[in-house]
């Protein structure tokens, strides 16, 4: 989970730097709006990546690769657990960014 917090911290730093740039070519030009837009895109991408990682190691996907792609690779619970651990990092990072985005939204509503 520490790895996910480091990734989330890095992404928040990058979002903050991009949001204060005066030439930001994003839809909403206020710094909070730009940061919110970037965070929403990152949360969506992180959730999609986590889902793809988890799905790619499932039994069904292993059977699909074996049947249609003539893969010699069988389903392995060890590989499944490893991919699940990687997917959890992406999922937790997305949840941290989602929480930060909600806090940013609440802050903007109170101002």
Protein backbone atom coordinates (compact mmCIF):
# COMPACT_ATOMS: atom_id res chain seq x y z
CA UNK A 1 0.00 0.00 0.00
CA UNK A 2 2.98 2.29 0.52
CA UNK A 3 3.77 1.93 -3.16
CA UNK A 4 0.23 3.07 -4.05
CA UNK A 5 0.57 6.10 -1.78
CA UNK A 6 3.87 7.03 -3.42
CA UNK A 7 2.30 6.78 -6.87
CA UNK A 8 -0.71 8.82 -5.77
CA UNK A 9 1.55 11.47 -4.24
CA UNK A 10 3.57 11.70 -7.45
CA UNK A 11 0.42 12.01 -9.57
CA UNK A 12 -0.97 14.70 -7.25
CA UNK A 13 2.30 16.63 -7.54
CA UNK A 14 2.26 16.42 -11.33
CA UNK A 15 -1.42 17.45 -11.41
CA UNK A 16 -0.68 20.44 -9.18
CA UNK A 17 2.19 21.56 -11.39
CA UNK A 18 0.11 21.24 -14.55
CA UNK A 19 -2.86 22.99 -12.94
CA UNK A 20 -0.88 26.14 -12.13
CA UNK A 21 0.58 26.45 -15.62
CA UNK A 22 -0.91 29.52 -17.32
CA UNK A 23 -1.11 27.83 -20.73
CA UNK A 24 -2.94 24.69 -19.66
CA UNK A 25 -4.89 23.44 -22.71
CA UNK A 26 -7.58 21.58 -20.76
CA UNK A 27 -11.34 22.23 -20.82
CA UNK A 28 -11.62 24.20 -17.58
CA UNK A 29 -8.91 26.82 -17.12
CA UNK A 30 -9.16 27.41 -13.37
CA UNK A 31 -6.37 25.62 -11.47
CA UNK A 32 -8.83 23.62 -9.35
CA UNK A 33 -10.84 22.69 -12.44
CA UNK A 34 -7.77 21.54 -14.35
CA UNK A 35 -6.58 19.51 -11.38
CA UNK A 36 -10.02 17.91 -11.00
CA UNK A 37 -10.18 17.04 -14.71
CA UNK A 38 -6.72 15.46 -14.63
CA UNK A 39 -7.50 13.51 -11.46
CA UNK A 40 -10.75 12.19 -12.94
CA UNK A 41 -8.92 10.97 -16.06
CA UNK A 42 -6.19 9.36 -13.93
CA UNK A 43 -8.71 7.64 -11.64
CA UNK A 44 -10.53 6.21 -14.67
CA UNK A 45 -7.26 5.02 -16.24
CA UNK A 46 -6.06 3.44 -12.98
CA UNK A 47 -9.35 1.56 -12.48
CA UNK A 48 -9.30 0.33 -16.10
CA UNK A 49 -5.67 -0.83 -15.76
CA UNK A 50 -6.48 -2.66 -12.51
CA UNK A 51 -9.44 -4.39 -14.15
CA UNK A 52 -7.43 -5.43 -17.19
CA UNK A 53 -4.63 -6.81 -15.01
CA UNK A 54 -7.08 -8.80 -12.94
CA UNK A 55 -9.06 -10.06 -15.93
CA UNK A 56 -5.96 -11.03 -17.93
CA UNK A 57 -4.95 -13.60 -15.32
CA UNK A 58 -8.37 -15.19 -14.88
CA UNK A 59 -9.19 -18.80 -15.72
CA UNK A 60 -11.46 -17.73 -18.56
CA UNK A 61 -8.76 -15.62 -20.18
CA UNK A 62 -6.22 -18.45 -19.81
CA UNK A 63 -8.65 -20.81 -21.56
CA UNK A 64 -9.28 -18.21 -24.27
CA UNK A 65 -5.55 -17.84 -24.93
CA UNK A 66 -5.11 -21.60 -24.95
CA UNK A 67 -8.05 -22.24 -27.29
CA UNK A 68 -7.96 -19.36 -29.73
CA UNK A 69 -4.36 -18.14 -29.60
CA UNK A 70 -2.74 -21.58 -29.31
CA UNK A 71 -0.88 -20.57 -26.19
CA UNK A 72 1.07 -23.17 -24.27
CA UNK A 73 0.61 -21.20 -21.06
CA UNK A 74 -1.77 -22.81 -18.55
CA UNK A 75 -3.65 -21.15 -15.71
CA UNK A 76 -1.42 -20.63 -12.70
CA UNK A 77 -2.69 -19.59 -9.26
CA UNK A 78 0.74 -18.10 -8.50
CA UNK A 79 0.63 -15.81 -11.54
CA UNK A 80 -2.97 -14.95 -10.68
CA UNK A 81 -2.00 -13.88 -7.14
CA UNK A 82 0.92 -11.82 -8.46
CA UNK A 83 -1.29 -10.00 -10.96
CA UNK A 84 -3.94 -9.46 -8.28
CA UNK A 85 -1.32 -7.82 -6.04
CA UNK A 86 -0.31 -5.52 -8.89
CA UNK A 87 -3.96 -4.74 -9.64
CA UNK A 88 -4.60 -3.88 -5.98
CA UNK A 89 -1.82 -1.26 -6.13
CA UNK A 90 -3.51 0.42 -9.12
CA UNK A 91 -6.94 0.12 -7.50
CA UNK A 92 -5.76 1.60 -4.18
CA UNK A 93 -3.97 4.43 -6.01
CA UNK A 94 -7.20 5.19 -7.86
CA UNK A 95 -9.14 5.21 -4.60
CA UNK A 96 -6.67 7.61 -2.99
CA UNK A 97 -6.92 9.96 -5.98
CA UNK A 98 -10.72 9.65 -5.96
CA UNK A 99 -10.80 10.63 -2.28
CA UNK A 100 -8.50 13.59 -2.99
CA UNK A 101 -10.73 14.64 -5.88
CA UNK A 102 -13.82 14.50 -3.66
CA UNK A 103 -12.03 16.60 -1.02
CA UNK A 104 -11.08 19.12 -3.71
CA UNK A 105 -14.71 19.25 -4.85
CA UNK A 106 -15.99 19.79 -1.30
CA UNK A 107 -13.40 22.52 -0.78
CA UNK A 108 -14.50 24.26 -4.00
CA UNK A 109 -18.15 24.08 -2.96
CA UNK A 110 -17.41 25.60 0.46
CA UNK A 111 -15.44 28.54 -0.98
